[in-house]
Amino acid sequence: MNKSFNLLCAFCLFVVSFNTVIAQNKESDDISLKGTEFKFPPLEVVIDSALKKSAMLAFRKNHIGVTESTLASERIYWTRNLGIQADSRYGNLSNFAMNDDGATNTAALTIARQFNYSVGVYLKFPVFDVLNRKNQIKLATLEVEEAKNMAEFTKEEIRQTVIRLYQDLILKQKLLQIRSRSLGDGRVNMEMVEKEFRNGIVPISEYVRITGMSANLEADYETAKSEFITAKQLLEDMAGFVFELKK
């Protein structure tokens, strides 16, 4: 029985020393987060930056230009049936003439070098083009409107996503601050319990229980810190810039 008790005491002392070292390391590791806050830019600034950085929105805007060009092309498509035709010829022109008056029969051959040309305008009316022109213009107009609506829809999606991420980041920071304060109070309490345990005031069962609570506080803080860093990096990546620290 005494041997088991001695082993348990030795184990508890080891846990005390180990927790002290871990606590010191945690304090040095978390110095960049404890007692500091991140200076979040205004929500509208983040939204505007995300809209400028969005490759999908840029694609939607370029598609608007494509559809507008298609519409402009459809509006002047009828001119393909209108044109100017020119023709020119240069060379020897032969002219043969015969005259028969009943008494005499004469023939004459004349050769002359001439330059002849002609210019004309033509206009064709293909039945299919005439009947389908209104539909083609309407289709091109609807494609432009569709492209503009898709761009606006993408803007709304980006705005809503940034708002959610922004509010989630603020919540994650508040939770991190709460976990940080709880962890600090827990470490102070643990130091007092360790001293009382060494002096024989606190029983082993109580010491083990408080040690477990301290471990839970450590885990909760690490979880809150990881969630905060993840939320911050996601919003920074979407906005295209890093948020500053204020002390």
C-alpha atoms as a PDB file:
ATOM      1  CA  MET A   1       0.000   0.000   0.000  1.00  0.00           C
ATOM      2  CA  ASN A   2       2.812   2.401   0.938  1.00  0.00           C
ATOM      3  CA  LYS A   3       4.630   1.516  -2.287  1.00  0.00           C
ATOM      4  CA  SER A   4       1.570   2.346  -4.381  1.00  0.00           C
ATOM      5  CA  PHE A   5       1.087   5.603  -2.508  1.00  0.00           C
ATOM      6  CA  ASN A   6       4.716   6.580  -3.076  1.00  0.00           C
ATOM      7  CA  LEU A   7       4.402   5.822  -6.796  1.00  0.00           C
ATOM      8  CA  LEU A   8       1.263   7.925  -7.015  1.00  0.00           C
ATOM      9  CA  CYS A   9       2.976  10.822  -5.245  1.00  0.00           C
ATOM     10  CA  ALA A  10       5.959  10.578  -7.551  1.00  0.00           C
ATOM     11  CA  PHE A  11       3.666  10.593 -10.556  1.00  0.00           C
ATOM     12  CA  CYS A  12       1.823  13.644  -9.287  1.00  0.00           C
ATOM     13  CA  LEU A  13       5.088  15.485  -8.706  1.00  0.00           C
ATOM     14  CA  PHE A  14       6.119  14.632 -12.252  1.00  0.00           C
ATOM     15  CA  VAL A  15       2.830  15.994 -13.553  1.00  0.00           C
ATOM     16  CA  VAL A  16       3.388  19.162 -11.529  1.00  0.00           C
ATOM     17  CA  SER A  17       6.832  19.710 -13.014  1.00  0.00           C
ATOM     18  CA  PHE A  18       5.648  18.830 -16.510  1.00  0.00           C
ATOM     19  CA  ASN A  19       2.681  21.192 -16.336  1.00  0.00           C
ATOM     20  CA  THR A  20       4.935  23.983 -15.094  1.00  0.00           C
ATOM     21  CA  VAL A  21       7.242  23.566 -18.078  1.00  0.00           C
ATOM     22  CA  ILE A  22       4.299  23.343 -20.490  1.00  0.00           C
ATOM     23  CA  ALA A  23       2.721  26.446 -18.989  1.00  0.00           C
ATOM     24  CA  GLN A  24       5.938  28.409 -19.443  1.00  0.00           C
ATOM     25  CA  ASN A  25       6.219  27.276 -23.048  1.00  0.00           C
ATOM     26  CA  LYS A  26       2.580  28.139 -23.723  1.00  0.00           C
ATOM     27  CA  GLU A  27       3.060  31.606 -22.298  1.00  0.00           C
ATOM     28  CA  SER A  28       5.975  32.218 -24.661  1.00  0.00           C
ATOM     29  CA  ASP A  29       4.142  30.688 -27.646  1.00  0.00           C
ATOM     30  CA  ASP A  30       0.946  32.685 -27.128  1.00  0.00           C
ATOM     31  CA  ILE A  31       2.641  36.031 -26.575  1.00  0.00           C
ATOM     32  CA  SER A  32       1.577  37.070 -30.090  1.00  0.00           C
ATOM     33  CA  LEU A  33      -2.109  36.593 -29.258  1.00  0.00           C
ATOM     34  CA  LYS A  34      -2.515  37.271 -25.539  1.00  0.00           C
ATOM     35  CA  GLY A  35      -3.202  40.840 -24.612  1.00  0.00           C
ATOM     36  CA  THR A  36      -3.493  41.889 -28.248  1.00  0.00           C
ATOM     37  CA  GLU A  37      -6.316  42.449 -30.689  1.00  0.00           C
ATOM     38  CA  PHE A  38      -6.404  42.443 -34.434  1.00  0.00           C
ATOM     39  CA  LYS A  39      -7.401  45.724 -36.021  1.00  0.00           C
ATOM     40  CA  PHE A  40     -10.144  44.727 -38.394  1.00  0.00           C
ATOM     41  CA  PRO A  41     -10.776  47.136 -41.276  1.00  0.00           C
ATOM     42  CA  PRO A  42     -14.358  48.340 -41.876  1.00  0.00           C
ATOM     43  CA  LEU A  43     -16.652  45.766 -43.421  1.00  0.00           C
ATOM     44  CA  GLU A  44     -17.230  47.798 -46.597  1.00  0.00           C
ATOM     45  CA  VAL A  45     -13.482  48.091 -47.161  1.00  0.00           C
ATOM     46  CA  VAL A  46     -13.126  44.309 -46.955  1.00  0.00           C
ATOM     47  CA  ILE A  47     -16.080  43.808 -49.314  1.00  0.00           C
ATOM     48  CA  ASP A  48     -14.702  46.269 -51.900  1.00  0.00           C
ATOM     49  CA  SER A  49     -11.291  44.622 -51.769  1.00  0.00           C
ATOM     50  CA  ALA A  50     -12.810  41.159 -52.183  1.00  0.00           C
ATOM     51  CA  LEU A  51     -14.839  42.348 -55.180  1.00  0.00           C
ATOM     52  CA  LYS A  52     -11.720  43.750 -56.845  1.00  0.00           C
ATOM     53  CA  LYS A  53      -9.733  40.570 -56.172  1.00  0.00           C
ATOM     54  CA  SER A  54     -12.415  38.108 -57.291  1.00  0.00           C
ATOM     55  CA  ALA A  55     -11.416  36.274 -60.464  1.00  0.00           C
ATOM     56  CA  MET A  56     -14.974  34.989 -60.922  1.00  0.00           C
ATOM     57  CA  LEU A  57     -16.381  38.517 -60.925  1.00  0.00           C
ATOM     58  CA  ALA A  58     -13.740  39.581 -63.452  1.00  0.00           C
ATOM     59  CA  PHE A  59     -14.801  36.654 -65.643  1.00  0.00           C
ATOM     60  CA  ARG A  60     -18.447  37.729 -65.407  1.00  0.00           C
ATOM     61  CA  LYS A  61     -17.565  41.301 -66.409  1.00  0.00           C
ATOM     62  CA  ASN A  62     -15.547  40.083 -69.384  1.00  0.00           C
ATOM     63  CA  HIS A  63     -18.495  37.943 -70.448  1.00  0.00           C
ATOM     64  CA  ILE A  64     -20.670  41.079 -70.463  1.00  0.00           C
ATOM     65  CA  GLY A  65     -18.252  42.623 -72.966  1.00  0.00           C
ATOM     66  CA  VAL A  66     -18.444  39.502 -75.136  1.00  0.00           C
ATOM     67  CA  THR A  67     -22.242  39.525 -75.236  1.00  0.00           C
ATOM     68  CA  GLU A  68     -22.354  43.274 -75.929  1.00  0.00           C
ATOM     69  CA  SER A  69     -20.015  42.768 -78.873  1.00  0.00           C
ATOM     70  CA  THR A  70     -22.250  39.972 -80.153  1.00  0.00           C
ATOM     71  CA  LEU A  71     -25.284  42.251 -79.909  1.00  0.00           C
ATOM     72  CA  ALA A  72     -23.500  45.033 -81.807  1.00  0.00           C
ATOM     73  CA  SER A  73     -22.544  42.526 -84.480  1.00  0.00           C
ATOM     74  CA  GLU A  74     -26.145  41.333 -84.790  1.00  0.00           C
ATOM     75  CA  ARG A  75     -27.391  44.911 -85.212  1.00  0.00           C
ATOM     76  CA  ILE A  76     -25.232  45.464 -88.304  1.00  0.00           C
ATOM     77  CA  TYR A  77     -25.496  41.891 -89.621  1.00  0.00           C
ATOM     78  CA  TRP A  78     -27.906  43.008 -92.337  1.00  0.00           C
ATOM     79  CA  THR A  79     -25.136  44.978 -94.046  1.00  0.00           C
ATOM     80  CA  ARG A  80     -23.605  41.750 -95.310  1.00  0.00           C
ATOM     81  CA  ASN A  81     -26.379  41.784 -97.944  1.00  0.00           C
ATOM     82  CA  LEU A  82     -25.356  45.252 -99.095  1.00  0.00           C
ATOM     83  CA  GLY A  83     -22.244  45.764-101.175  1.00  0.00           C
ATOM     84  CA  ILE A  84     -20.398  47.516-103.970  1.00  0.00           C
ATOM     85  CA  GLN A  85     -19.279  45.653-107.061  1.00  0.00           C
ATOM     86  CA  ALA A  86     -16.678  46.983-109.536  1.00  0.00           C
ATOM     87  CA  ASP A  87     -15.282  45.575-112.741  1.00  0.00           C
ATOM     88  CA  SER A  88     -12.557  46.810-115.088  1.00  0.00           C
ATOM     89  CA  ARG A  89     -11.047  45.572-118.341  1.00  0.00           C
ATOM     90  CA  TYR A  90      -8.174  46.767-120.457  1.00  0.00           C
ATOM     91  CA  GLY A  91      -7.055  45.392-123.806  1.00  0.00           C
ATOM     92  CA  ASN A  92      -7.686  45.196-127.530  1.00  0.00           C
ATOM     93  CA  LEU A  93     -11.291  45.554-128.613  1.00  0.00           C
ATOM     94  CA  SER A  94     -12.152  44.025-132.021  1.00  0.00           C
ATOM     95  CA  ASN A  95     -15.185  45.291-133.939  1.00  0.00           C
ATOM     96  CA  PHE A  96     -16.319  43.481-137.109  1.00  0.00           C
ATOM     97  CA  ALA A  97     -19.069  44.975-139.302  1.00  0.00           C
ATOM     98  CA  MET A  98     -20.742  43.815-142.560  1.00  0.00           C
ATOM     99  CA  ASN A  99     -22.855  45.836-144.964  1.00  0.00           C
ATOM    100  CA  ASP A 100     -24.970  44.196-147.644  1.00  0.00           C
ATOM    101  CA  ASP A 101     -27.128  46.532-149.740  1.00  0.00           C
ATOM    102  CA  GLY A 102     -28.002  43.940-152.444  1.00  0.00           C
ATOM    103  CA  ALA A 103     -25.518  45.244-154.944  1.00  0.00           C
ATOM    104  CA  THR A 104     -22.352  45.206-152.941  1.00  0.00           C
ATOM    105  CA  ASN A 105     -21.183  43.333-149.911  1.00  0.00           C
ATOM    106  CA  THR A 106     -18.611  45.049-147.692  1.00  0.00           C
ATOM    107  CA  ALA A 107     -16.964  44.024-144.460  1.00  0.00           C
ATOM    108  CA  ALA A 108     -14.878  46.058-142.070  1.00  0.00           C
ATOM    109  CA  LEU A 109     -12.714  44.994-139.131  1.00  0.00           C
ATOM    110  CA  THR A 110     -11.492  47.572-136.622  1.00  0.00           C
ATOM    111  CA  ILE A 111      -9.193  46.971-133.661  1.00  0.00           C
ATOM    112  CA  ALA A 112      -8.838  49.479-130.807  1.00  0.00           C
ATOM    113  CA  ARG A 113      -7.040  49.423-127.411  1.00  0.00           C
ATOM    114  CA  GLN A 114      -9.501  50.473-124.714  1.00  0.00           C
ATOM    115  CA  PHE A 115      -9.972  50.554-120.929  1.00  0.00           C
ATOM    116  CA  ASN A 116     -13.504  49.707-119.759  1.00  0.00           C
ATOM    117  CA  TYR A 117     -14.797  49.747-116.187  1.00  0.00           C
ATOM    118  CA  SER A 118     -18.086  49.515-114.337  1.00  0.00           C
ATOM    119  CA  VAL A 119     -19.163  50.199-110.748  1.00  0.00           C
ATOM    120  CA  GLY A 120     -22.441  49.190-109.119  1.00  0.00           C
ATOM    121  CA  VAL A 121     -24.202  48.774-105.801  1.00  0.00           C
ATOM    122  CA  TYR A 122     -26.159  45.639-104.935  1.00  0.00           C
ATOM    123  CA  LEU A 123     -28.608  44.768-102.184  1.00  0.00           C
ATOM    124  CA  LYS A 124     -29.845  41.232-101.506  1.00  0.00           C
ATOM    125  CA  PHE A 125     -32.883  40.275 -99.395  1.00  0.00           C
ATOM    126  CA  PRO A 126     -32.460  36.714 -98.072  1.00  0.00           C
ATOM    127  CA  VAL A 127     -35.845  35.624 -96.772  1.00  0.00           C
ATOM    128  CA  PHE A 128     -34.441  33.778 -93.749  1.00  0.00           C
ATOM    129  CA  ASP A 129     -32.347  36.760 -92.626  1.00  0.00           C
ATOM    130  CA  VAL A 130     -35.305  39.105 -92.945  1.00  0.00           C
ATOM    131  CA  LEU A 131     -37.637  36.865 -90.944  1.00  0.00           C
ATOM    132  CA  ASN A 132     -35.083  35.836 -88.325  1.00  0.00           C
ATOM    133  CA  ARG A 133     -33.403  39.208 -87.736  1.00  0.00           C
ATOM    134  CA  LYS A 134     -35.747  40.252 -84.929  1.00  0.00           C
ATOM    135  CA  ASN A 135     -35.238  36.961 -83.097  1.00  0.00           C
ATOM    136  CA  GLN A 136     -31.452  37.168 -83.400  1.00  0.00           C
ATOM    137  CA  ILE A 137     -31.347  40.686 -81.968  1.00  0.00           C
ATOM    138  CA  LYS A 138     -33.711  39.689 -79.156  1.00  0.00           C
ATOM    139  CA  LEU A 139     -31.560  36.667 -78.323  1.00  0.00           C
ATOM    140  CA  ALA A 140     -28.375  38.756 -78.252  1.00  0.00           C
ATOM    141  CA  THR A 141     -30.087  41.355 -76.042  1.00  0.00           C
ATOM    142  CA  LEU A 142     -31.212  38.677 -73.580  1.00  0.00           C
ATOM    143  CA  GLU A 143     -27.673  37.282 -73.455  1.00  0.00           C
ATOM    144  CA  VAL A 144     -26.379  40.726 -72.462  1.00  0.00           C
ATOM    145  CA  GLU A 145     -28.998  41.020 -69.718  1.00  0.00           C
ATOM    146  CA  GLU A 146     -28.205  37.505 -68.532  1.00  0.00           C
ATOM    147  CA  ALA A 147     -24.497  38.300 -68.324  1.00  0.00           C
ATOM    148  CA  LYS A 148     -25.175  41.468 -66.329  1.00  0.00           C
ATOM    149  CA  ASN A 149     -27.499  39.621 -63.953  1.00  0.00           C
ATOM    150  CA  MET A 150     -24.886  36.902 -63.408  1.00  0.00           C
ATOM    151  CA  ALA A 151     -22.305  39.565 -62.563  1.00  0.00           C
ATOM    152  CA  GLU A 152     -24.689  41.134 -60.032  1.00  0.00           C
ATOM    153  CA  PHE A 153     -25.445  37.700 -58.586  1.00  0.00           C
ATOM    154  CA  THR A 154     -21.727  37.031 -58.172  1.00  0.00           C
ATOM    155  CA  LYS A 155     -21.336  40.398 -56.421  1.00  0.00           C
ATOM    156  CA  GLU A 156     -24.125  39.508 -53.992  1.00  0.00           C
ATOM    157  CA  GLU A 157     -22.557  36.117 -53.317  1.00  0.00           C
ATOM    158  CA  ILE A 158     -19.200  37.718 -52.532  1.00  0.00           C
ATOM    159  CA  ARG A 159     -20.810  40.347 -50.285  1.00  0.00           C
ATOM    160  CA  GLN A 160     -22.753  37.736 -48.332  1.00  0.00           C
ATOM    161  CA  THR A 161     -19.713  35.482 -47.975  1.00  0.00           C
ATOM    162  CA  VAL A 162     -17.533  38.350 -46.727  1.00  0.00           C
ATOM    163  CA  ILE A 163     -20.205  39.416 -44.231  1.00  0.00           C
ATOM    164  CA  ARG A 164     -20.437  35.887 -42.839  1.00  0.00           C
ATOM    165  CA  LEU A 165     -16.661  35.497 -42.618  1.00  0.00           C
ATOM    166  CA  TYR A 166     -16.264  38.951 -41.082  1.00  0.00           C
ATOM    167  CA  GLN A 167     -18.838  38.353 -38.350  1.00  0.00           C
ATOM    168  CA  ASP A 168     -17.493  34.850 -37.751  1.00  0.00           C
ATOM    169  CA  LEU A 169     -13.993  36.273 -37.318  1.00  0.00           C
ATOM    170  CA  ILE A 170     -15.207  38.796 -34.740  1.00  0.00           C
ATOM    171  CA  LEU A 171     -16.952  35.976 -32.863  1.00  0.00           C
ATOM    172  CA  LYS A 172     -13.839  33.784 -33.024  1.00  0.00           C
ATOM    173  CA  GLN A 173     -11.726  36.605 -31.601  1.00  0.00           C
ATOM    174  CA  LYS A 174     -14.140  37.152 -28.717  1.00  0.00           C
ATOM    175  CA  LEU A 175     -14.198  33.425 -27.950  1.00  0.00           C
ATOM    176  CA  LEU A 176     -10.407  33.348 -28.076  1.00  0.00           C
ATOM    177  CA  GLN A 177     -10.210  36.209 -25.598  1.00  0.00           C
ATOM    178  CA  ILE A 178     -12.640  34.412 -23.276  1.00  0.00           C
ATOM    179  CA  ARG A 179     -10.664  31.173 -23.515  1.00  0.00           C
ATOM    180  CA  SER A 180      -7.446  33.100 -22.958  1.00  0.00           C
ATOM    181  CA  ARG A 181      -8.765  34.683 -19.749  1.00  0.00           C
ATOM    182  CA  SER A 182     -10.103  31.333 -18.544  1.00  0.00           C
ATOM    183  CA  LEU A 183      -6.755  29.722 -19.278  1.00  0.00           C
ATOM    184  CA  GLY A 184      -4.914  32.439 -17.376  1.00  0.00           C
ATOM    185  CA  ASP A 185      -7.199  32.066 -14.356  1.00  0.00           C
ATOM    186  CA  GLY A 186      -6.840  28.300 -14.548  1.00  0.00           C
ATOM    187  CA  ARG A 187      -3.043  28.510 -14.551  1.00  0.00           C
ATOM    188  CA  VAL A 188      -3.063  30.802 -11.527  1.00  0.00           C
ATOM    189  CA  ASN A 189      -5.409  28.412  -9.746  1.00  0.00           C
ATOM    190  CA  MET A 190      -3.204  25.481 -10.728  1.00  0.00           C
ATOM    191  CA  GLU A 191      -0.117  27.154  -9.286  1.00  0.00           C
ATOM    192  CA  MET A 192      -1.911  27.695  -5.978  1.00  0.00           C
ATOM    193  CA  VAL A 193      -3.115  24.083  -5.902  1.00  0.00           C
ATOM    194  CA  GLU A 194       0.413  22.843  -6.654  1.00  0.00           C
ATOM    195  CA  LYS A 195       1.801  24.797  -3.716  1.00  0.00           C
ATOM    196  CA  GLU A 196      -0.944  23.525  -1.417  1.00  0.00           C
ATOM    197  CA  PHE A 197      -0.407  19.984  -2.699  1.00  0.00           C
ATOM    198  CA  ARG A 198       3.307  20.176  -1.925  1.00  0.00           C
ATOM    199  CA  ASN A 199       2.442  21.402   1.552  1.00  0.00           C
ATOM    200  CA  GLY A 200       0.001  18.522   2.057  1.00  0.00           C
ATOM    201  CA  ILE A 201      -3.087  20.743   2.211  1.00  0.00           C
ATOM    202  CA  VAL A 202      -4.784  19.503  -0.969  1.00  0.00           C
ATOM    203  CA  PRO A 203      -5.488  15.767  -1.281  1.00  0.00           C
ATOM    204  CA  ILE A 204      -4.385  13.825  -4.316  1.00  0.00           C
ATOM    205  CA  SER A 205      -7.906  13.317  -5.639  1.00  0.00           C
ATOM    206  CA  GLU A 206      -8.564  17.058  -5.641  1.00  0.00           C
ATOM    207  CA  TYR A 207      -5.213  17.750  -7.260  1.00  0.00           C
ATOM    208  CA  VAL A 208      -5.894  15.232 -10.041  1.00  0.00           C
ATOM    209  CA  ARG A 209      -9.360  16.752 -10.632  1.00  0.00           C
ATOM    210  CA  ILE A 210      -7.992  20.287 -10.936  1.00  0.00           C
ATOM    211  CA  THR A 211      -5.172  19.061 -13.169  1.00  0.00           C
ATOM    212  CA  GLY A 212      -7.786  17.583 -15.507  1.00  0.00           C
ATOM    213  CA  MET A 213      -9.721  20.869 -15.536  1.00  0.00           C
ATOM    214  CA  SER A 214      -6.530  22.738 -16.409  1.00  0.00           C
ATOM    215  CA  ALA A 215      -5.873  20.332 -19.264  1.00  0.00           C
ATOM    216  CA  ASN A 216      -9.399  20.955 -20.582  1.00  0.00           C
ATOM    217  CA  LEU A 217      -8.816  24.709 -20.426  1.00  0.00           C
ATOM    218  CA  GLU A 218      -5.601  24.251 -22.429  1.00  0.00           C
ATOM    219  CA  ALA A 219      -7.449  22.206 -25.051  1.00  0.00           C
ATOM    220  CA  ASP A 220     -10.300  24.722 -25.281  1.00  0.00           C
ATOM    221  CA  TYR A 221      -7.841  27.574 -25.736  1.00  0.00           C
ATOM    222  CA  GLU A 222      -5.879  25.756 -28.458  1.00  0.00           C
ATOM    223  CA  THR A 223      -9.126  24.958 -30.279  1.00  0.00           C
ATOM    224  CA  ALA A 224     -10.291  28.583 -30.087  1.00  0.00           C
ATOM    225  CA  LYS A 225      -6.891  29.817 -31.281  1.00  0.00           C
ATOM    226  CA  SER A 226      -6.880  27.433 -34.247  1.00  0.00           C
ATOM    227  CA  GLU A 227     -10.423  28.427 -35.247  1.00  0.00           C
ATOM    228  CA  PHE A 228      -9.565  32.121 -34.976  1.00  0.00           C
ATOM    229  CA  ILE A 229      -6.416  31.814 -37.086  1.00  0.00           C
ATOM    230  CA  THR A 230      -8.291  29.791 -39.727  1.00  0.00           C
ATOM    231  CA  ALA A 231     -11.152  32.317 -39.910  1.00  0.00           C
ATOM    232  CA  LYS A 232      -8.689  35.206 -40.116  1.00  0.00           C
ATOM    233  CA  GLN A 233      -6.634  33.647 -42.891  1.00  0.00           C
ATOM    234  CA  LEU A 234      -9.745  32.756 -44.922  1.00  0.00           C
ATOM    235  CA  LEU A 235     -11.017  36.331 -44.813  1.00  0.00           C
ATOM    236  CA  GLU A 236      -7.550  37.766 -45.516  1.00  0.00           C
ATOM    237  CA  ASP A 237      -7.173  35.486 -48.534  1.00  0.00           C
ATOM    238  CA  MET A 238     -10.538  36.592 -49.875  1.00  0.00           C
ATOM    239  CA  ALA A 239      -9.849  40.281 -49.225  1.00  0.00           C
ATOM    240  CA  GLY A 240      -6.296  40.168 -50.557  1.00  0.00           C
ATOM    241  CA  PHE A 241      -4.505  41.835 -47.626  1.00  0.00           C
ATOM    242  CA  VAL A 242      -3.403  41.022 -44.059  1.00  0.00           C
ATOM    243  CA  PHE A 243      -5.131  42.546 -41.047  1.00  0.00           C
ATOM    244  CA  GLU A 244      -2.916  44.522 -38.675  1.00  0.00           C
ATOM    245  CA  LEU A 245      -2.296  43.929 -34.968  1.00  0.00           C
ATOM    246  CA  LYS A 246      -2.949  46.591 -32.396  1.00  0.00           C
ATOM    247  CA  LYS A 247      -1.625  46.510 -28.852  1.00  0.00           C
END
